[in-house]
N, C-alpha and C. Protein backbone atom coordinates (compact mmCIF):
# COMPACT_ATOMS: atom_id res chain seq x y z
N MET A 1 45.10 13.75 12.05
CA MET A 1 44.75 14.84 13.07
C MET A 1 42.44 14.80 12.63
N GLN A 2 41.92 15.31 13.97
CA GLN A 2 40.63 14.50 13.66
C GLN A 2 39.92 15.88 14.33
N ALA A 3 39.21 16.67 13.86
CA ALA A 3 38.52 17.92 13.67
C ALA A 3 37.03 17.60 15.21
N ALA A 4 36.98 18.48 16.01
CA ALA A 4 35.94 18.58 17.06
C ALA A 4 34.95 18.59 16.12
N ILE A 5 33.56 17.68 16.35
CA ILE A 5 32.97 17.77 15.54
C ILE A 5 31.03 18.43 16.89
N ASP A 6 30.50 19.55 16.45
CA ASP A 6 30.08 20.15 17.12
C ASP A 6 28.58 18.85 17.09
N PHE A 7 28.43 18.05 18.41
CA PHE A 7 27.18 17.43 17.53
C PHE A 7 25.59 18.29 17.96
N ARG A 8 25.47 19.25 18.60
CA ARG A 8 24.31 20.30 18.08
C ARG A 8 24.10 20.38 17.18
N GLN A 9 24.96 20.73 16.63
CA GLN A 9 24.60 21.63 15.04
C GLN A 9 24.76 20.40 14.27
N LEU A 10 25.48 19.00 14.47
CA LEU A 10 25.26 18.35 13.74
C LEU A 10 23.78 17.31 14.09
N VAL A 11 23.07 17.12 14.87
CA VAL A 11 21.74 17.10 15.17
C VAL A 11 20.74 18.14 14.69
N GLU A 12 21.00 19.04 14.56
CA GLU A 12 20.29 20.69 14.12
C GLU A 12 20.02 20.81 12.01
N ALA A 13 21.25 20.07 11.97
CA ALA A 13 21.60 19.91 10.76
C ALA A 13 21.14 19.44 9.60
N VAL A 14 21.26 17.79 10.39
CA VAL A 14 21.14 16.05 9.95
C VAL A 14 19.79 16.49 8.90
N GLY A 15 18.75 16.00 7.88
CA GLY A 15 18.03 15.92 7.48
C GLY A 15 16.97 14.86 7.67
N ASP A 16 17.38 14.06 9.13
CA ASP A 16 16.48 13.11 9.61
C ASP A 16 15.25 13.47 10.60
N ALA A 17 14.23 13.28 11.11
CA ALA A 17 13.66 13.59 12.31
C ALA A 17 15.34 12.89 13.53
N VAL A 18 15.30 13.95 14.45
CA VAL A 18 15.91 13.13 15.65
C VAL A 18 15.42 13.17 16.64
N VAL A 19 15.12 12.35 18.17
CA VAL A 19 14.31 12.74 18.61
C VAL A 19 14.15 11.69 19.92
N ALA A 20 15.13 12.45 20.67
CA ALA A 20 15.64 11.66 22.15
C ALA A 20 14.29 11.91 23.00
N SER A 21 13.70 10.75 24.02
CA SER A 21 13.06 10.98 25.05
C SER A 21 13.48 10.27 26.36
N ASP A 22 13.25 10.38 27.59
CA ASP A 22 13.95 10.26 28.83
C ASP A 22 12.94 8.90 29.12
N ALA A 23 13.25 8.29 30.58
CA ALA A 23 13.21 7.11 30.67
C ALA A 23 11.74 7.26 30.67
N SER A 24 11.14 8.15 31.45
CA SER A 24 9.29 8.78 31.35
C SER A 24 8.37 8.62 30.11
N GLY A 25 9.58 8.74 28.94
CA GLY A 25 8.93 8.85 27.67
C GLY A 25 9.07 10.33 27.24
N ALA A 26 9.03 11.06 28.13
CA ALA A 26 8.51 12.66 27.83
C ALA A 26 10.45 12.99 26.60
N ILE A 27 9.80 13.93 26.06
CA ILE A 27 10.73 14.41 24.63
C ILE A 27 11.80 15.02 25.41
N THR A 28 13.12 14.97 25.47
CA THR A 28 14.02 15.79 25.69
C THR A 28 14.98 16.24 24.44
N LEU A 29 15.09 16.26 22.97
CA LEU A 29 15.23 16.71 21.66
C LEU A 29 14.54 16.32 21.30
N TRP A 30 14.62 17.36 19.77
CA TRP A 30 13.47 17.56 18.33
C TRP A 30 13.86 18.76 18.26
N ASN A 31 14.63 18.44 16.69
CA ASN A 31 14.99 18.83 15.46
C ASN A 31 14.31 19.27 14.79
N PRO A 32 15.08 20.65 13.99
CA PRO A 32 14.32 21.18 12.95
C PRO A 32 13.49 20.63 12.10
N ALA A 33 14.26 18.74 11.79
CA ALA A 33 13.64 17.69 10.83
C ALA A 33 12.36 17.26 11.60
N ALA A 34 12.50 17.51 12.76
CA ALA A 34 11.37 16.70 13.70
C ALA A 34 10.43 18.17 13.38
N GLU A 35 10.68 19.37 13.98
CA GLU A 35 8.99 20.22 13.33
C GLU A 35 8.94 19.54 11.92
N ARG A 36 9.40 19.64 11.05
CA ARG A 36 8.84 20.00 10.11
C ARG A 36 8.06 18.78 9.22
N MET A 37 8.81 17.55 9.93
CA MET A 37 7.47 16.18 10.10
C MET A 37 6.44 15.91 10.58
N PHE A 38 6.53 16.56 11.83
CA PHE A 38 5.35 16.23 12.87
C PHE A 38 4.60 17.53 13.09
N GLY A 39 5.33 18.27 12.38
CA GLY A 39 4.52 20.21 12.74
C GLY A 39 4.64 20.39 13.90
N PHE A 40 5.06 19.64 15.53
CA PHE A 40 5.40 20.74 16.43
C PHE A 40 6.39 21.48 16.47
N THR A 41 6.75 22.63 17.04
CA THR A 41 8.22 23.05 17.07
C THR A 41 8.21 22.51 18.23
N GLN A 42 9.49 23.09 18.57
CA GLN A 42 10.46 22.41 19.17
C GLN A 42 9.88 23.21 20.99
N ALA A 43 9.42 24.38 20.72
CA ALA A 43 8.85 24.40 22.52
C ALA A 43 7.51 23.69 22.60
N GLU A 44 7.02 22.85 21.51
CA GLU A 44 5.31 22.51 21.39
C GLU A 44 5.80 21.16 22.41
N ALA A 45 7.03 20.72 21.60
CA ALA A 45 7.45 19.53 22.43
C ALA A 45 8.19 19.30 23.14
N LEU A 46 9.16 19.39 23.06
CA LEU A 46 9.65 19.53 24.63
C LEU A 46 9.08 19.25 25.71
N GLY A 47 9.48 18.62 26.75
CA GLY A 47 8.62 17.72 27.78
C GLY A 47 7.22 17.20 27.79
N GLN A 48 6.71 17.10 26.59
CA GLN A 48 5.70 16.18 26.01
C GLN A 48 5.87 14.96 26.09
N SER A 49 4.87 14.06 26.18
CA SER A 49 5.06 12.34 26.18
C SER A 49 5.24 11.94 24.30
N LEU A 50 5.66 11.22 24.12
CA LEU A 50 6.18 10.86 22.42
C LEU A 50 3.98 10.54 22.36
N ASP A 51 3.54 10.26 23.09
CA ASP A 51 1.97 10.07 22.32
C ASP A 51 1.73 11.23 21.46
N ILE A 52 2.05 12.38 21.03
CA ILE A 52 2.28 13.62 20.84
C ILE A 52 2.03 12.88 19.18
N ILE A 53 3.09 12.14 19.02
CA ILE A 53 2.82 11.01 17.69
C ILE A 53 2.95 10.29 17.26
N ILE A 54 2.18 9.36 18.13
CA ILE A 54 2.24 8.14 18.06
C ILE A 54 0.27 7.84 18.21
N PRO A 55 -0.27 7.17 17.17
CA PRO A 55 -1.46 7.06 16.49
C PRO A 55 -2.07 6.04 18.05
N GLN A 56 -2.94 7.00 18.03
CA GLN A 56 -3.73 6.10 19.90
C GLN A 56 -3.71 5.00 19.23
N ARG A 57 -4.15 4.15 18.28
CA ARG A 57 -4.42 2.94 18.61
C ARG A 57 -3.26 1.63 19.05
N GLN A 58 -1.70 3.16 18.46
CA GLN A 58 -0.66 2.22 19.20
C GLN A 58 0.10 2.03 20.08
N GLN A 59 -0.55 3.38 20.56
CA GLN A 59 -0.11 3.84 22.01
C GLN A 59 0.95 2.13 22.90
N GLN A 60 -0.24 1.55 23.26
CA GLN A 60 -0.23 0.53 24.51
C GLN A 60 1.12 -0.21 23.74
N ARG A 61 1.00 -0.48 22.32
CA ARG A 61 2.29 -1.46 22.31
C ARG A 61 3.45 -0.76 21.93
N HIS A 62 3.66 0.51 21.94
CA HIS A 62 4.53 1.42 21.85
C HIS A 62 5.43 1.36 22.91
N TRP A 63 4.05 1.75 24.32
CA TRP A 63 5.07 2.13 25.45
C TRP A 63 5.13 0.54 26.19
N ASP A 64 4.46 -0.72 25.99
CA ASP A 64 5.40 -1.94 26.44
C ASP A 64 6.67 -1.97 25.69
N GLY A 65 7.25 -1.65 24.50
CA GLY A 65 8.24 -1.99 24.57
C GLY A 65 9.60 -1.39 24.73
N TYR A 66 8.79 0.49 24.72
CA TYR A 66 9.71 1.04 25.08
C TYR A 66 9.88 0.60 26.72
N HIS A 67 9.28 0.35 27.44
CA HIS A 67 9.28 -0.10 29.30
C HIS A 67 10.59 -1.09 28.51
N LYS A 68 9.89 -1.82 28.17
CA LYS A 68 11.15 -3.27 28.17
C LYS A 68 11.99 -2.39 27.91
N THR A 69 12.53 -1.96 26.92
CA THR A 69 13.61 -1.53 26.55
C THR A 69 14.25 -0.51 27.74
N MET A 70 13.58 0.09 28.55
CA MET A 70 14.32 1.05 29.15
C MET A 70 14.51 0.12 30.58
N ALA A 71 13.71 -1.06 31.35
CA ALA A 71 14.23 -1.88 31.72
C ALA A 71 15.86 -2.44 31.39
N THR A 72 15.51 -3.38 29.91
CA THR A 72 17.08 -4.16 29.75
C THR A 72 17.73 -3.51 29.46
N GLY A 73 17.77 -2.65 29.04
CA GLY A 73 18.88 -1.61 27.86
C GLY A 73 19.30 -2.32 26.78
N GLN A 74 18.41 -3.06 26.27
CA GLN A 74 18.51 -4.07 24.54
C GLN A 74 16.95 -3.42 24.17
N THR A 75 17.43 -3.15 22.71
CA THR A 75 16.90 -3.06 21.63
C THR A 75 16.83 -3.27 20.66
N ARG A 76 16.23 -4.22 19.82
CA ARG A 76 16.98 -4.51 18.10
C ARG A 76 16.52 -3.89 17.26
N TYR A 77 15.59 -2.47 17.48
CA TYR A 77 15.96 -1.27 16.16
C TYR A 77 17.17 -0.75 16.77
N GLY A 78 18.32 -1.28 16.78
CA GLY A 78 19.20 -0.65 17.03
C GLY A 78 20.25 -0.50 15.60
N ASN A 79 19.57 -1.71 14.96
CA ASN A 79 20.82 -2.27 13.04
C ASN A 79 18.81 -2.74 13.02
N ASP A 80 18.19 -2.60 13.06
CA ASP A 80 16.88 -2.68 12.37
C ASP A 80 16.18 -2.01 12.50
N VAL A 81 15.74 -1.36 11.03
CA VAL A 81 14.43 -0.41 10.69
C VAL A 81 13.60 -0.99 11.34
N LEU A 82 11.98 -0.63 12.25
CA LEU A 82 10.97 -0.37 12.81
C LEU A 82 10.21 1.32 11.59
N ARG A 83 9.23 0.03 10.78
CA ARG A 83 7.96 0.05 10.69
C ARG A 83 6.55 0.73 10.55
N VAL A 84 6.35 1.88 11.01
CA VAL A 84 5.30 2.38 11.72
C VAL A 84 4.39 3.67 11.98
N PRO A 85 3.33 3.72 12.33
CA PRO A 85 2.01 4.45 11.49
C PRO A 85 2.98 5.84 12.67
N ALA A 86 2.88 7.13 12.01
CA ALA A 86 2.69 8.52 13.03
C ALA A 86 1.59 9.55 12.70
N VAL A 87 1.54 10.41 13.73
CA VAL A 87 0.71 11.09 13.29
C VAL A 87 1.31 12.74 13.50
N HIS A 88 0.94 13.59 12.14
CA HIS A 88 1.33 14.78 12.48
C HIS A 88 0.03 15.25 13.38
N LYS A 89 0.20 16.38 13.88
CA LYS A 89 0.00 17.98 14.80
C LYS A 89 -1.32 17.97 14.26
N ASP A 90 -1.69 18.07 12.73
CA ASP A 90 -2.80 18.70 12.17
C ASP A 90 -3.45 18.03 12.18
N GLY A 91 -2.77 15.86 12.09
CA GLY A 91 -3.85 14.72 12.68
C GLY A 91 -3.74 13.84 11.44
N HIS A 92 -3.28 14.21 10.50
CA HIS A 92 -3.13 13.49 9.49
C HIS A 92 -1.88 12.10 9.73
N GLY A 93 -1.91 11.19 9.07
CA GLY A 93 -1.67 9.97 9.22
C GLY A 93 0.21 9.98 8.48
N LEU A 94 1.03 9.71 9.34
CA LEU A 94 2.59 9.63 8.32
C LEU A 94 2.48 7.41 8.63
N SER A 95 3.56 7.52 7.88
CA SER A 95 4.23 6.41 8.04
C SER A 95 5.81 6.84 7.87
N ILE A 96 5.73 5.90 8.89
CA ILE A 96 7.87 6.33 9.76
C ILE A 96 8.74 5.27 9.55
N ALA A 97 9.79 5.43 9.04
CA ALA A 97 10.63 4.50 9.49
C ALA A 97 12.11 5.42 10.51
N PHE A 98 12.34 4.19 11.21
CA PHE A 98 13.31 4.56 12.66
C PHE A 98 14.46 3.77 13.06
N THR A 99 15.31 3.92 14.02
CA THR A 99 16.54 3.03 14.06
C THR A 99 16.26 4.01 15.97
N VAL A 100 17.00 2.90 16.89
CA VAL A 100 17.30 3.99 18.03
C VAL A 100 18.35 3.71 18.92
N ALA A 101 19.08 4.40 19.46
CA ALA A 101 20.00 4.47 19.84
C ALA A 101 19.83 4.53 21.54
N LEU A 102 20.64 3.52 22.49
CA LEU A 102 20.07 4.14 23.47
C LEU A 102 21.99 4.32 24.53
N LEU A 103 20.94 5.56 24.96
CA LEU A 103 21.57 6.02 26.18
C LEU A 103 21.71 5.99 27.39
N PHE A 104 23.24 5.80 28.25
CA PHE A 104 23.34 5.32 29.88
C PHE A 104 23.44 6.17 30.59
N THR A 105 23.22 6.11 32.36
CA THR A 105 24.08 6.70 32.58
C THR A 105 25.78 5.72 32.96
N ALA A 106 25.94 6.46 33.87
CA ALA A 106 27.07 6.07 34.30
C ALA A 106 27.34 4.38 34.71
N ASP A 107 25.91 4.60 35.17
CA ASP A 107 25.67 2.98 36.53
C ASP A 107 25.44 2.00 35.00
N LYS A 108 24.99 2.76 34.36
CA LYS A 108 24.46 1.40 33.31
C LYS A 108 23.44 1.35 33.25
N LYS A 109 23.04 2.66 33.52
CA LYS A 109 21.29 2.28 33.52
C LYS A 109 20.74 2.91 32.26
N VAL A 110 19.88 2.91 31.30
CA VAL A 110 19.60 3.46 29.79
C VAL A 110 18.91 4.75 30.60
N SER A 111 19.46 6.03 29.94
CA SER A 111 19.02 7.66 30.32
C SER A 111 18.02 7.47 29.65
N ALA A 112 18.12 7.71 28.45
CA ALA A 112 17.70 8.10 26.93
C ALA A 112 17.32 7.00 25.20
N ILE A 113 16.43 6.74 25.22
CA ILE A 113 15.90 6.63 23.50
C ILE A 113 16.28 7.69 23.01
N VAL A 114 17.33 7.58 22.11
CA VAL A 114 17.05 8.16 20.70
C VAL A 114 16.32 7.96 19.68
N ALA A 115 15.63 8.42 18.82
CA ALA A 115 15.29 7.94 17.85
C ALA A 115 15.69 8.53 16.58
N VAL A 116 16.54 7.97 15.12
CA VAL A 116 16.28 8.70 14.32
C VAL A 116 15.50 8.43 13.29
N ILE A 117 14.25 9.41 12.41
CA ILE A 117 13.15 9.22 11.70
C ILE A 117 12.88 9.83 10.74
N ARG A 118 12.28 8.62 9.14
CA ARG A 118 13.07 8.71 8.29
C ARG A 118 10.89 8.82 8.04
N ASP A 119 10.39 10.42 6.92
CA ASP A 119 9.16 9.87 6.72
C ASP A 119 9.30 8.89 5.75
N GLU A 120 8.56 8.23 5.72
CA GLU A 120 8.08 7.19 4.55
C GLU A 120 6.96 6.80 3.72
N THR A 121 6.01 7.88 4.28
CA THR A 121 4.77 7.75 3.81
C THR A 121 4.45 7.81 2.54
N SER A 122 5.20 9.25 1.37
CA SER A 122 4.72 8.71 0.12
C SER A 122 5.65 7.55 -1.07
N ARG A 123 7.09 6.88 0.05
CA ARG A 123 7.37 5.69 -0.73
C ARG A 123 6.31 4.22 -0.28
N PHE A 124 5.72 4.58 0.96
CA PHE A 124 5.12 3.59 0.83
C PHE A 124 3.42 3.45 0.81
N ALA A 125 2.85 5.16 0.48
CA ALA A 125 2.06 4.83 -0.31
C ALA A 125 2.25 4.50 -2.30
N GLU A 126 3.68 5.01 -2.58
CA GLU A 126 3.65 4.46 -4.19
C GLU A 126 3.69 2.50 -3.67
N GLU A 127 4.34 2.33 -3.09
CA GLU A 127 4.99 0.53 -2.47
C GLU A 127 3.72 0.26 -2.94
N ARG A 128 2.35 0.60 -2.10
CA ARG A 128 1.30 0.39 -1.67
C ARG A 128 0.31 0.08 -3.08
N GLY A 129 0.30 0.95 -3.99
CA GLY A 129 0.14 0.68 -5.52
C GLY A 129 0.90 0.31 -5.90
N LEU A 130 1.74 -0.41 -6.35
CA LEU A 130 2.61 -1.18 -7.04
C LEU A 130 1.75 -2.46 -6.75
N LYS A 131 1.50 -3.23 -5.41
CA LYS A 131 1.48 -4.07 -4.81
C LYS A 131 -0.39 -3.87 -5.54
N LYS A 132 -1.05 -3.86 -5.07
CA LYS A 132 -1.81 -3.21 -5.96
C LYS A 132 -2.02 -4.09 -7.47
N ARG A 133 -1.20 -3.08 -7.95
CA ARG A 133 -1.42 -2.86 -9.53
C ARG A 133 -1.10 -4.38 -10.00
N LEU A 134 -0.30 -4.60 -9.78
CA LEU A 134 0.46 -6.08 -9.21
C LEU A 134 -0.54 -7.39 -9.14
N THR A 135 -1.34 -6.89 -8.48
CA THR A 135 -2.46 -8.03 -7.38
C THR A 135 -2.89 -7.91 -8.93
N GLU A 136 -3.95 -6.82 -9.57
CA GLU A 136 -4.79 -6.91 -10.86
C GLU A 136 -4.15 -7.18 -11.77
N LEU A 137 -2.44 -7.46 -12.05
CA LEU A 137 -2.38 -7.83 -13.24
C LEU A 137 -2.13 -9.34 -13.42
N GLU A 138 -1.95 -10.09 -11.85
CA GLU A 138 -1.91 -11.68 -11.63
C GLU A 138 -3.13 -12.36 -11.82
N MET A 139 -3.82 -11.20 -11.37
CA MET A 139 -5.71 -11.81 -11.61
C MET A 139 -6.73 -11.96 -13.01
N GLN A 140 -5.40 -11.12 -13.68
CA GLN A 140 -6.60 -10.98 -14.90
C GLN A 140 -5.41 -11.87 -16.23
N LEU A 141 -4.49 -12.16 -15.84
CA LEU A 141 -2.84 -13.40 -16.03
C LEU A 141 -4.11 -14.56 -15.62
N ALA A 142 -4.61 -14.84 -14.48
CA ALA A 142 -4.42 -16.71 -13.95
C ALA A 142 -5.38 -17.23 -14.77
N PRO A 143 -6.66 -16.27 -15.29
CA PRO A 143 -7.37 -17.80 -16.25
C PRO A 143 -6.80 -17.96 -17.54
N ALA A 144 -5.80 -17.30 -17.83
CA ALA A 144 -5.83 -17.11 -19.28
C ALA A 144 -4.07 -18.43 -19.15
N GLY A 145 -3.63 -18.35 -17.55
CA GLY A 145 -2.74 -19.58 -17.57
C GLY A 145 -3.44 -20.60 -17.04
N LYS A 146 -4.79 -21.19 -16.71
CA LYS A 146 -5.64 -22.17 -16.78
C LYS A 146 -5.58 -22.73 -17.72
N ALA A 147 -6.08 -22.48 -18.79
CA ALA A 147 -6.09 -22.89 -20.31
C ALA A 147 -5.19 -23.39 -20.92
N SER A 148 -4.33 -23.70 -20.78
CA SER A 148 -3.47 -24.40 -21.59
C SER A 148 -2.41 -25.00 -21.51
């Protein structure tokens, strides 16, 4: 026996941000995790452009891909994770990772794009620090290796 799932409750309860936008890029869904991650309340985010969380230098690239996805109904980020910078309401940068799902109308046109987003800012900073430390250690070892 399969129990009915309350999808609104699911989206509100999940720990990752869930953000949906319509064909024009206006935000139509903004869950509590998105509020925590990006700092905008649901009331502030709904109806706004996704530009509120996209760094200005990334906006053209984002919209090129967004409009292509809307036109073709295809994205490689349904399975592949996309890692990009984002911006918080207060202006500080974030490193996010997300996948997307496309929602379709009855006539098979894309009606919305839904992103499930995870904040990887601390993991990204830790990884960058480890890479820097590894490079430093390799540079210390390089002269010793050449002498032998």
